[in-house]
Amino acid sequence: TKCENPYELCDNIDISRPDDIFAMTQGRYNFYEEQDTKVYLWSR
């Protein structure tokens, strides 16, 4: 699964979102892409 931001990453792993996650991303959906970074999650 490709994750666009820490929100999606936390949700797909099924862990709670850190309290300061909004401060980090300012709510931007394409946060990782804006950092020229691609983030993937392998799951069984």
ModelCIF file with pLDDT and N, C-alpha, C, O atoms, coordinates in Angstrom:
data_MODEL
#
_entry.id   MODEL 
#
_entity.id                         1 
_entity.type                       polymer 
_entity.pdbx_number_of_molecules   1 
#
_entity_poly.entity_id                      1 
_entity_poly.type                           'polypeptide(L)' 
_entity_poly.nstd_linkage                   no 
_entity_poly.nstd_monomer                   no 
_entity_poly.pdbx_seq_one_letter_code       TKCENPYELCDNIDISRPDDIFAMTQGRYNFYEEQDTKVYLWSR 
_entity_poly.pdbx_seq_one_letter_code_can   TKCENPYELCDNIDISRPDDIFAMTQGRYNFYEEQDTKVYLWSR 
_entity_poly.pdbx_strand_id                 A 
#
loop_
_entity_poly_seq.entity_id 
_entity_poly_seq.num 
_entity_poly_seq.mon_id 
_entity_poly_seq.hetero 
1 1  THR n 
1 2  LYS n 
1 3  CYS n 
1 4  GLU n 
1 5  ASN n 
1 6  PRO n 
1 7  TYR n 
1 8  GLU n 
1 9  LEU n 
1 10 CYS n 
1 11 ASP n 
1 12 ASN n 
1 13 ILE n 
1 14 ASP n 
1 15 ILE n 
1 16 SER n 
1 17 ARG n 
1 18 PRO n 
1 19 ASP n 
1 20 ASP n 
1 21 ILE n 
1 22 PHE n 
1 23 ALA n 
1 24 MET n 
1 25 THR n 
1 26 GLN n 
1 27 GLY n 
1 28 ARG n 
1 29 TYR n 
1 30 ASN n 
1 31 PHE n 
1 32 TYR n 
1 33 GLU n 
1 34 GLU n 
1 35 GLN n 
1 36 ASP n 
1 37 THR n 
1 38 LYS n 
1 39 VAL n 
1 40 TYR n 
1 41 LEU n 
1 42 TRP n 
1 43 SER n 
1 44 ARG n 
#
_struct_asym.id          A 
_struct_asym.entity_id   1 
#
loop_
_ma_qa_metric.id 
_ma_qa_metric.mode 
_ma_qa_metric.name 
_ma_qa_metric.software_group_id 
_ma_qa_metric.type 
1 global pLDDT . pLDDT 
2 local  pLDDT . pLDDT 
#
_ma_qa_metric_global.metric_id      1 
_ma_qa_metric_global.metric_value   91.34 
_ma_qa_metric_global.model_id       1 
_ma_qa_metric_global.ordinal_id     1 
#
loop_
_ma_qa_metric_local.label_asym_id 
_ma_qa_metric_local.label_comp_id 
_ma_qa_metric_local.label_seq_id 
_ma_qa_metric_local.metric_id 
_ma_qa_metric_local.metric_value 
_ma_qa_metric_local.model_id 
_ma_qa_metric_local.ordinal_id 
A THR 1  2 98.00 1 1  
A LYS 2  2 98.00 1 2  
A CYS 3  2 97.00 1 3  
A GLU 4  2 96.00 1 4  
A ASN 5  2 95.00 1 5  
A PRO 6  2 94.00 1 6  
A TYR 7  2 93.00 1 7  
A GLU 8  2 96.00 1 8  
A LEU 9  2 97.00 1 9  
A CYS 10 2 96.00 1 10 
A ASP 11 2 97.00 1 11 
A ASN 12 2 97.00 1 12 
A ILE 13 2 97.00 1 13 
A ASP 14 2 96.00 1 14 
A ILE 15 2 97.00 1 15 
A SER 16 2 96.00 1 16 
A ARG 17 2 94.00 1 17 
A PRO 18 2 94.00 1 18 
A ASP 19 2 89.00 1 19 
A ASP 20 2 83.00 1 20 
A ILE 21 2 83.00 1 21 
A PHE 22 2 82.00 1 22 
A ALA 23 2 77.00 1 23 
A MET 24 2 77.00 1 24 
A THR 25 2 81.00 1 25 
A GLN 26 2 75.00 1 26 
A GLY 27 2 76.00 1 27 
A ARG 28 2 79.00 1 28 
A TYR 29 2 80.00 1 29 
A ASN 30 2 83.00 1 30 
A PHE 31 2 92.00 1 31 
A TYR 32 2 95.00 1 32 
A GLU 33 2 92.00 1 33 
A GLU 34 2 91.00 1 34 
A GLN 35 2 89.00 1 35 
A ASP 36 2 93.00 1 36 
A THR 37 2 96.00 1 37 
A LYS 38 2 98.00 1 38 
A VAL 39 2 98.00 1 39 
A TYR 40 2 98.00 1 40 
A LEU 41 2 98.00 1 41 
A TRP 42 2 98.00 1 42 
A SER 43 2 97.00 1 43 
A ARG 44 2 91.00 1 44 
#
loop_
_atom_site.group_PDB 
_atom_site.id 
_atom_site.type_symbol 
_atom_site.label_atom_id 
_atom_site.label_alt_id 
_atom_site.label_comp_id 
_atom_site.label_asym_id 
_atom_site.label_entity_id 
_atom_site.label_seq_id 
_atom_site.pdbx_PDB_ins_code 
_atom_site.Cartn_x 
_atom_site.Cartn_y 
_atom_site.Cartn_z 
_atom_site.occupancy 
_atom_site.B_iso_or_equiv 
_atom_site.pdbx_formal_charge 
_atom_site.auth_seq_id 
_atom_site.auth_comp_id 
_atom_site.auth_asym_id 
_atom_site.auth_atom_id 
_atom_site.pdbx_PDB_model_num 
ATOM 1   N N  . THR A 1 1  ? 0.850  -1.185  0.000  1.00 98.00 ? 1  THR A N  1 
ATOM 2   C CA . THR A 1 1  ? 0.000  0.000   0.000  1.00 98.00 ? 1  THR A CA 1 
ATOM 3   C C  . THR A 1 1  ? 0.887  1.237   0.000  1.00 98.00 ? 1  THR A C  1 
ATOM 4   O O  . THR A 1 1  ? 1.790  1.349   0.829  1.00 98.00 ? 1  THR A O  1 
ATOM 5   N N  . LYS A 1 2  ? 0.645  2.157   -0.908 1.00 98.00 ? 2  LYS A N  1 
ATOM 6   C CA . LYS A 1 2  ? 1.379  3.420   -0.914 1.00 98.00 ? 2  LYS A CA 1 
ATOM 7   C C  . LYS A 1 2  ? 0.684  4.395   0.026  1.00 98.00 ? 2  LYS A C  1 
ATOM 8   O O  . LYS A 1 2  ? -0.534 4.567   -0.032 1.00 98.00 ? 2  LYS A O  1 
ATOM 9   N N  . CYS A 1 3  ? 1.454  5.020   0.877  1.00 97.00 ? 3  CYS A N  1 
ATOM 10  C CA . CYS A 1 3  ? 0.909  5.971   1.858  1.00 97.00 ? 3  CYS A CA 1 
ATOM 11  C C  . CYS A 1 3  ? 1.368  7.376   1.505  1.00 97.00 ? 3  CYS A C  1 
ATOM 12  O O  . CYS A 1 3  ? 2.547  7.597   1.226  1.00 97.00 ? 3  CYS A O  1 
ATOM 13  N N  . GLU A 1 4  ? 0.443  8.322   1.515  1.00 96.00 ? 4  GLU A N  1 
ATOM 14  C CA . GLU A 1 4  ? 0.750  9.683   1.087  1.00 96.00 ? 4  GLU A CA 1 
ATOM 15  C C  . GLU A 1 4  ? 1.219  10.581  2.232  1.00 96.00 ? 4  GLU A C  1 
ATOM 16  O O  . GLU A 1 4  ? 1.827  11.624  1.993  1.00 96.00 ? 4  GLU A O  1 
ATOM 17  N N  . ASN A 1 5  ? 0.939  10.181  3.473  1.00 95.00 ? 5  ASN A N  1 
ATOM 18  C CA . ASN A 1 5  ? 1.257  11.042  4.608  1.00 95.00 ? 5  ASN A CA 1 
ATOM 19  C C  . ASN A 1 5  ? 1.242  10.208  5.881  1.00 95.00 ? 5  ASN A C  1 
ATOM 20  O O  . ASN A 1 5  ? 0.813  9.055   5.854  1.00 95.00 ? 5  ASN A O  1 
ATOM 21  N N  . PRO A 1 6  ? 1.700  10.766  6.991  1.00 94.00 ? 6  PRO A N  1 
ATOM 22  C CA . PRO A 1 6  ? 1.731  10.001  8.251  1.00 94.00 ? 6  PRO A CA 1 
ATOM 23  C C  . PRO A 1 6  ? 0.358  9.566   8.736  1.00 94.00 ? 6  PRO A C  1 
ATOM 24  O O  . PRO A 1 6  ? 0.240  8.551   9.423  1.00 94.00 ? 6  PRO A O  1 
ATOM 25  N N  . TYR A 1 7  ? -0.699 10.328  8.384  1.00 93.00 ? 7  TYR A N  1 
ATOM 26  C CA . TYR A 1 7  ? -2.048 9.918   8.768  1.00 93.00 ? 7  TYR A CA 1 
ATOM 27  C C  . TYR A 1 7  ? -2.349 8.534   8.189  1.00 93.00 ? 7  TYR A C  1 
ATOM 28  O O  . TYR A 1 7  ? -2.760 7.618   8.902  1.00 93.00 ? 7  TYR A O  1 
ATOM 29  N N  . GLU A 1 8  ? -2.133 8.407   6.873  1.00 96.00 ? 8  GLU A N  1 
ATOM 30  C CA . GLU A 1 8  ? -2.414 7.148   6.193  1.00 96.00 ? 8  GLU A CA 1 
ATOM 31  C C  . GLU A 1 8  ? -1.523 6.027   6.716  1.00 96.00 ? 8  GLU A C  1 
ATOM 32  O O  . GLU A 1 8  ? -1.969 4.891   6.878  1.00 96.00 ? 8  GLU A O  1 
ATOM 33  N N  . LEU A 1 9  ? -0.265 6.357   6.979  1.00 97.00 ? 9  LEU A N  1 
ATOM 34  C CA . LEU A 1 9  ? 0.650  5.334   7.460  1.00 97.00 ? 9  LEU A CA 1 
ATOM 35  C C  . LEU A 1 9  ? 0.185  4.796   8.809  1.00 97.00 ? 9  LEU A C  1 
ATOM 36  O O  . LEU A 1 9  ? 0.136  3.583   9.010  1.00 97.00 ? 9  LEU A O  1 
ATOM 37  N N  . CYS A 1 10 ? -0.152 5.679   9.720  1.00 96.00 ? 10 CYS A N  1 
ATOM 38  C CA . CYS A 1 10 ? -0.657 5.242   11.028 1.00 96.00 ? 10 CYS A CA 1 
ATOM 39  C C  . CYS A 1 10 ? -1.935 4.431   10.884 1.00 96.00 ? 10 CYS A C  1 
ATOM 40  O O  . CYS A 1 10 ? -2.091 3.389   11.522 1.00 96.00 ? 10 CYS A O  1 
ATOM 41  N N  . ASP A 1 11 ? -2.841 4.904   10.052 1.00 97.00 ? 11 ASP A N  1 
ATOM 42  C CA . ASP A 1 11 ? -4.132 4.235   9.910  1.00 97.00 ? 11 ASP A CA 1 
ATOM 43  C C  . ASP A 1 11 ? -3.975 2.840   9.321  1.00 97.00 ? 11 ASP A C  1 
ATOM 44  O O  . ASP A 1 11 ? -4.651 1.905   9.751  1.00 97.00 ? 11 ASP A O  1 
ATOM 45  N N  . ASN A 1 12 ? -3.091 2.693   8.342  1.00 97.00 ? 12 ASN A N  1 
ATOM 46  C CA . ASN A 1 12 ? -2.896 1.397   7.710  1.00 97.00 ? 12 ASN A CA 1 
ATOM 47  C C  . ASN A 1 12 ? -2.172 0.407   8.613  1.00 97.00 ? 12 ASN A C  1 
ATOM 48  O O  . ASN A 1 12 ? -2.402 -0.799  8.526  1.00 97.00 ? 12 ASN A O  1 
ATOM 49  N N  . ILE A 1 13 ? -1.299 0.912   9.478  1.00 97.00 ? 13 ILE A N  1 
ATOM 50  C CA . ILE A 1 13 ? -0.654 0.030   10.453 1.00 97.00 ? 13 ILE A CA 1 
ATOM 51  C C  . ILE A 1 13 ? -1.609 -0.257  11.602 1.00 97.00 ? 13 ILE A C  1 
ATOM 52  O O  . ILE A 1 13 ? -1.445 -1.238  12.327 1.00 97.00 ? 13 ILE A O  1 
ATOM 53  N N  . ASP A 1 14 ? -2.611 0.609   11.764 1.00 96.00 ? 14 ASP A N  1 
ATOM 54  C CA . ASP A 1 14 ? -3.592 0.551   12.848 1.00 96.00 ? 14 ASP A CA 1 
ATOM 55  C C  . ASP A 1 14 ? -2.962 0.914   14.182 1.00 96.00 ? 14 ASP A C  1 
ATOM 56  O O  . ASP A 1 14 ? -3.072 0.182   15.166 1.00 96.00 ? 14 ASP A O  1 
ATOM 57  N N  . ILE A 1 15 ? -2.297 2.072   14.189 1.00 97.00 ? 15 ILE A N  1 
ATOM 58  C CA . ILE A 1 15 ? -1.807 2.662   15.425 1.00 97.00 ? 15 ILE A CA 1 
ATOM 59  C C  . ILE A 1 15 ? -2.396 4.064   15.532 1.00 97.00 ? 15 ILE A C  1 
ATOM 60  O O  . ILE A 1 15 ? -2.782 4.655   14.523 1.00 97.00 ? 15 ILE A O  1 
ATOM 61  N N  . SER A 1 16 ? -2.466 4.594   16.740 1.00 96.00 ? 16 SER A N  1 
ATOM 62  C CA . SER A 1 16 ? -3.003 5.934   16.936 1.00 96.00 ? 16 SER A CA 1 
ATOM 63  C C  . SER A 1 16 ? -2.073 6.972   16.313 1.00 96.00 ? 16 SER A C  1 
ATOM 64  O O  . SER A 1 16 ? -0.858 6.784   16.244 1.00 96.00 ? 16 SER A O  1 
ATOM 65  N N  . ARG A 1 17 ? -2.671 8.064   15.865 1.00 94.00 ? 17 ARG A N  1 
ATOM 66  C CA . ARG A 1 17 ? -1.872 9.146   15.295 1.00 94.00 ? 17 ARG A CA 1 
ATOM 67  C C  . ARG A 1 17 ? -1.209 9.939   16.419 1.00 94.00 ? 17 ARG A C  1 
ATOM 68  O O  . ARG A 1 17 ? -1.858 10.236  17.422 1.00 94.00 ? 17 ARG A O  1 
ATOM 69  N N  . PRO A 1 18 ? 0.078  10.288  16.272 1.00 94.00 ? 18 PRO A N  1 
ATOM 70  C CA . PRO A 1 18 ? 0.731  11.115  17.295 1.00 94.00 ? 18 PRO A CA 1 
ATOM 71  C C  . PRO A 1 18 ? 0.000  12.450  17.473 1.00 94.00 ? 18 PRO A C  1 
ATOM 72  O O  . PRO A 1 18 ? -0.607 12.958  16.530 1.00 94.00 ? 18 PRO A O  1 
ATOM 73  N N  . ASP A 1 19 ? 0.060  13.003  18.660 1.00 89.00 ? 19 ASP A N  1 
ATOM 74  C CA . ASP A 1 19 ? -0.646 14.245  18.958 1.00 89.00 ? 19 ASP A CA 1 
ATOM 75  C C  . ASP A 1 19 ? -0.179 15.405  18.095 1.00 89.00 ? 19 ASP A C  1 
ATOM 76  O O  . ASP A 1 19 ? -0.964 16.301  17.783 1.00 89.00 ? 19 ASP A O  1 
ATOM 77  N N  . ASP A 1 20 ? 1.106  15.397  17.703 1.00 83.00 ? 20 ASP A N  1 
ATOM 78  C CA . ASP A 1 20 ? 1.653  16.536  16.957 1.00 83.00 ? 20 ASP A CA 1 
ATOM 79  C C  . ASP A 1 20 ? 1.687  16.295  15.450 1.00 83.00 ? 20 ASP A C  1 
ATOM 80  O O  . ASP A 1 20 ? 2.395  16.997  14.728 1.00 83.00 ? 20 ASP A O  1 
ATOM 81  N N  . ILE A 1 21 ? 0.938  15.321  14.977 1.00 83.00 ? 21 ILE A N  1 
ATOM 82  C CA . ILE A 1 21 ? 1.023  14.970  13.566 1.00 83.00 ? 21 ILE A CA 1 
ATOM 83  C C  . ILE A 1 21 ? 0.528  16.096  12.664 1.00 83.00 ? 21 ILE A C  1 
ATOM 84  O O  . ILE A 1 21 ? 1.060  16.286  11.570 1.00 83.00 ? 21 ILE A O  1 
ATOM 85  N N  . PHE A 1 22 ? -0.483 16.848  13.104 1.00 82.00 ? 22 PHE A N  1 
ATOM 86  C CA . PHE A 1 22 ? -0.990 17.948  12.280 1.00 82.00 ? 22 PHE A CA 1 
ATOM 87  C C  . PHE A 1 22 ? 0.043  19.067  12.172 1.00 82.00 ? 22 PHE A C  1 
ATOM 88  O O  . PHE A 1 22 ? 0.183  19.690  11.120 1.00 82.00 ? 22 PHE A O  1 
ATOM 89  N N  . ALA A 1 23 ? 0.766  19.318  13.267 1.00 77.00 ? 23 ALA A N  1 
ATOM 90  C CA . ALA A 1 23 ? 1.800  20.354  13.237 1.00 77.00 ? 23 ALA A CA 1 
ATOM 91  C C  . ALA A 1 23 ? 2.891  19.993  12.232 1.00 77.00 ? 23 ALA A C  1 
ATOM 92  O O  . ALA A 1 23 ? 3.481  20.867  11.597 1.00 77.00 ? 23 ALA A O  1 
ATOM 93  N N  . MET A 1 24 ? 3.147  18.700  12.098 1.00 77.00 ? 24 MET A N  1 
ATOM 94  C CA . MET A 1 24 ? 4.177  18.261  11.165 1.00 77.00 ? 24 MET A CA 1 
ATOM 95  C C  . MET A 1 24 ? 3.754  18.450  9.716  1.00 77.00 ? 24 MET A C  1 
ATOM 96  O O  . MET A 1 24 ? 4.554  18.894  8.893  1.00 77.00 ? 24 MET A O  1 
ATOM 97  N N  . THR A 1 25 ? 2.515  18.119  9.396  1.00 81.00 ? 25 THR A N  1 
ATOM 98  C CA . THR A 1 25 ? 2.067  18.106  8.009  1.00 81.00 ? 25 THR A CA 1 
ATOM 99  C C  . THR A 1 25 ? 1.204  19.291  7.610  1.00 81.00 ? 25 THR A C  1 
ATOM 100 O O  . THR A 1 25 ? 0.980  19.521  6.422  1.00 81.00 ? 25 THR A O  1 
ATOM 101 N N  . GLN A 1 26 ? 0.710  20.059  8.605  1.00 75.00 ? 26 GLN A N  1 
ATOM 102 C CA . GLN A 1 26 ? -0.271 21.116  8.348  1.00 75.00 ? 26 GLN A CA 1 
ATOM 103 C C  . GLN A 1 26 ? -1.464 20.569  7.561  1.00 75.00 ? 26 GLN A C  1 
ATOM 104 O O  . GLN A 1 26 ? -2.117 21.292  6.810  1.00 75.00 ? 26 GLN A O  1 
ATOM 105 N N  . GLY A 1 27 ? -1.730 19.275  7.752  1.00 76.00 ? 27 GLY A N  1 
ATOM 106 C CA . GLY A 1 27 ? -2.877 18.653  7.117  1.00 76.00 ? 27 GLY A CA 1 
ATOM 107 C C  . GLY A 1 27 ? -2.716 18.373  5.632  1.00 76.00 ? 27 GLY A C  1 
ATOM 108 O O  . GLY A 1 27 ? -3.690 18.017  4.968  1.00 76.00 ? 27 GLY A O  1 
ATOM 109 N N  . ARG A 1 28 ? -1.510 18.524  5.095  1.00 79.00 ? 28 ARG A N  1 
ATOM 110 C CA . ARG A 1 28 ? -1.309 18.344  3.654  1.00 79.00 ? 28 ARG A CA 1 
ATOM 111 C C  . ARG A 1 28 ? -1.416 16.867  3.285  1.00 79.00 ? 28 ARG A C  1 
ATOM 112 O O  . ARG A 1 28 ? -0.763 16.018  3.891  1.00 79.00 ? 28 ARG A O  1 
ATOM 113 N N  . TYR A 1 29 ? -2.240 16.574  2.292  1.00 80.00 ? 29 TYR A N  1 
ATOM 114 C CA . TYR A 1 29 ? -2.498 15.191  1.899  1.00 80.00 ? 29 TYR A CA 1 
ATOM 115 C C  . TYR A 1 29 ? -1.261 14.555  1.263  1.00 80.00 ? 29 TYR A C  1 
ATOM 116 O O  . TYR A 1 29 ? -0.922 13.412  1.569  1.00 80.00 ? 29 TYR A O  1 
ATOM 117 N N  . ASN A 1 30 ? -0.597 15.282  0.391  1.00 83.00 ? 30 ASN A N  1 
ATOM 118 C CA . ASN A 1 30 ? 0.550  14.724  -0.336 1.00 83.00 ? 30 ASN A CA 1 
ATOM 119 C C  . ASN A 1 30 ? 1.871  15.058  0.361  1.00 83.00 ? 30 ASN A C  1 
ATOM 120 O O  . ASN A 1 30 ? 2.847  15.438  -0.287 1.00 83.00 ? 30 ASN A O  1 
ATOM 121 N N  . PHE A 1 31 ? 1.889  14.913  1.659  1.00 92.00 ? 31 PHE A N  1 
ATOM 122 C CA . PHE A 1 31 ? 3.053  15.334  2.443  1.00 92.00 ? 31 PHE A CA 1 
ATOM 123 C C  . PHE A 1 31 ? 4.337  14.633  1.997  1.00 92.00 ? 31 PHE A C  1 
ATOM 124 O O  . PHE A 1 31 ? 5.357  15.298  1.817  1.00 92.00 ? 31 PHE A O  1 
ATOM 125 N N  . TYR A 1 32 ? 4.316  13.325  1.815  1.00 95.00 ? 32 TYR A N  1 
ATOM 126 C CA . TYR A 1 32 ? 5.528  12.602  1.425  1.00 95.00 ? 32 TYR A CA 1 
ATOM 127 C C  . TYR A 1 32 ? 5.995  13.005  0.029  1.00 95.00 ? 32 TYR A C  1 
ATOM 128 O O  . TYR A 1 32 ? 7.187  13.216  -0.196 1.00 95.00 ? 32 TYR A O  1 
ATOM 129 N N  . GLU A 1 33 ? 5.050  13.112  -0.909 1.00 92.00 ? 33 GLU A N  1 
ATOM 130 C CA . GLU A 1 33 ? 5.416  13.497  -2.278 1.00 92.00 ? 33 GLU A CA 1 
ATOM 131 C C  . GLU A 1 33 ? 6.028  14.895  -2.306 1.00 92.00 ? 33 GLU A C  1 
ATOM 132 O O  . GLU A 1 33 ? 6.934  15.169  -3.093 1.00 92.00 ? 33 GLU A O  1 
ATOM 133 N N  . GLU A 1 34 ? 5.528  15.774  -1.443 1.00 91.00 ? 34 GLU A N  1 
ATOM 134 C CA . GLU A 1 34 ? 6.096  17.123  -1.375 1.00 91.00 ? 34 GLU A CA 1 
ATOM 135 C C  . GLU A 1 34 ? 7.530  17.102  -0.885 1.00 91.00 ? 34 GLU A C  1 
ATOM 136 O O  . GLU A 1 34 ? 8.293  18.037  -1.129 1.00 91.00 ? 34 GLU A O  1 
ATOM 137 N N  . GLN A 1 35 ? 7.895  16.034  -0.193 1.00 89.00 ? 35 GLN A N  1 
ATOM 138 C CA . GLN A 1 35 ? 9.275  15.847  0.254  1.00 89.00 ? 35 GLN A CA 1 
ATOM 139 C C  . GLN A 1 35 ? 10.063 14.980  -0.728 1.00 89.00 ? 35 GLN A C  1 
ATOM 140 O O  . GLN A 1 35 ? 11.157 14.514  -0.409 1.00 89.00 ? 35 GLN A O  1 
ATOM 141 N N  . ASP A 1 36 ? 9.505  14.764  -1.926 1.00 93.00 ? 36 ASP A N  1 
ATOM 142 C CA . ASP A 1 36 ? 10.134 13.922  -2.960 1.00 93.00 ? 36 ASP A CA 1 
ATOM 143 C C  . ASP A 1 36 ? 10.429 12.528  -2.424 1.00 93.00 ? 36 ASP A C  1 
ATOM 144 O O  . ASP A 1 36 ? 11.476 11.945  -2.707 1.00 93.00 ? 36 ASP A O  1 
ATOM 145 N N  . THR A 1 37 ? 9.492  12.009  -1.651 1.00 96.00 ? 37 THR A N  1 
ATOM 146 C CA . THR A 1 37 ? 9.674  10.725  -0.986 1.00 96.00 ? 37 THR A CA 1 
ATOM 147 C C  . THR A 1 37 ? 8.465  9.838   -1.245 1.00 96.00 ? 37 THR A C  1 
ATOM 148 O O  . THR A 1 37 ? 7.325  10.301  -1.192 1.00 96.00 ? 37 THR A O  1 
ATOM 149 N N  . LYS A 1 38 ? 8.715  8.574   -1.523 1.00 98.00 ? 38 LYS A N  1 
ATOM 150 C CA . LYS A 1 38 ? 7.639  7.603   -1.683 1.00 98.00 ? 38 LYS A CA 1 
ATOM 151 C C  . LYS A 1 38 ? 7.681  6.622   -0.513 1.00 98.00 ? 38 LYS A C  1 
ATOM 152 O O  . LYS A 1 38 ? 8.730  6.072   -0.179 1.00 98.00 ? 38 LYS A O  1 
ATOM 153 N N  . VAL A 1 39 ? 6.523  6.419   0.095  1.00 98.00 ? 39 VAL A N  1 
ATOM 154 C CA . VAL A 1 39 ? 6.429  5.576   1.277  1.00 98.00 ? 39 VAL A CA 1 
ATOM 155 C C  . VAL A 1 39 ? 5.434  4.453   1.016  1.00 98.00 ? 39 VAL A C  1 
ATOM 156 O O  . VAL A 1 39 ? 4.298  4.691   0.608  1.00 98.00 ? 39 VAL A O  1 
ATOM 157 N N  . TYR A 1 40 ? 5.879  3.234   1.258  1.00 98.00 ? 40 TYR A N  1 
ATOM 158 C CA . TYR A 1 40 ? 5.054  2.051   1.025  1.00 98.00 ? 40 TYR A CA 1 
ATOM 159 C C  . TYR A 1 40 ? 4.975  1.234   2.312  1.00 98.00 ? 40 TYR A C  1 
ATOM 160 O O  . TYR A 1 40 ? 5.871  1.269   3.156  1.00 98.00 ? 40 TYR A O  1 
ATOM 161 N N  . LEU A 1 41 ? 3.881  0.506   2.428  1.00 98.00 ? 41 LEU A N  1 
ATOM 162 C CA . LEU A 1 41 ? 3.703  -0.397  3.563  1.00 98.00 ? 41 LEU A CA 1 
ATOM 163 C C  . LEU A 1 41 ? 3.417  -1.793  3.043  1.00 98.00 ? 41 LEU A C  1 
ATOM 164 O O  . LEU A 1 41 ? 2.448  -2.020  2.319  1.00 98.00 ? 41 LEU A O  1 
ATOM 165 N N  . TRP A 1 42 ? 4.290  -2.736  3.430  1.00 98.00 ? 42 TRP A N  1 
ATOM 166 C CA . TRP A 1 42 ? 3.995  -4.145  3.165  1.00 98.00 ? 42 TRP A CA 1 
ATOM 167 C C  . TRP A 1 42 ? 3.182  -4.695  4.313  1.00 98.00 ? 42 TRP A C  1 
ATOM 168 O O  . TRP A 1 42 ? 3.505  -4.444  5.475  1.00 98.00 ? 42 TRP A O  1 
ATOM 169 N N  . SER A 1 43 ? 2.135  -5.439  4.013  1.00 97.00 ? 43 SER A N  1 
ATOM 170 C CA . SER A 1 43 ? 1.383  -6.130  5.044  1.00 97.00 ? 43 SER A CA 1 
ATOM 171 C C  . SER A 1 43 ? 0.990  -7.506  4.539  1.00 97.00 ? 43 SER A C  1 
ATOM 172 O O  . SER A 1 43 ? 0.836  -7.717  3.336  1.00 97.00 ? 43 SER A O  1 
ATOM 173 N N  . ARG A 1 44 ? 0.834  -8.415  5.442  1.00 91.00 ? 44 ARG A N  1 
ATOM 174 C CA . ARG A 1 44 ? 0.472  -9.784  5.062  1.00 91.00 ? 44 ARG A CA 1 
ATOM 175 C C  . ARG A 1 44 ? -0.947 -9.855  4.525  1.00 91.00 ? 44 ARG A C  1 
ATOM 176 O O  . ARG A 1 44 ? -1.415 -10.932 4.157  1.00 91.00 ? 44 ARG A O  1 
#
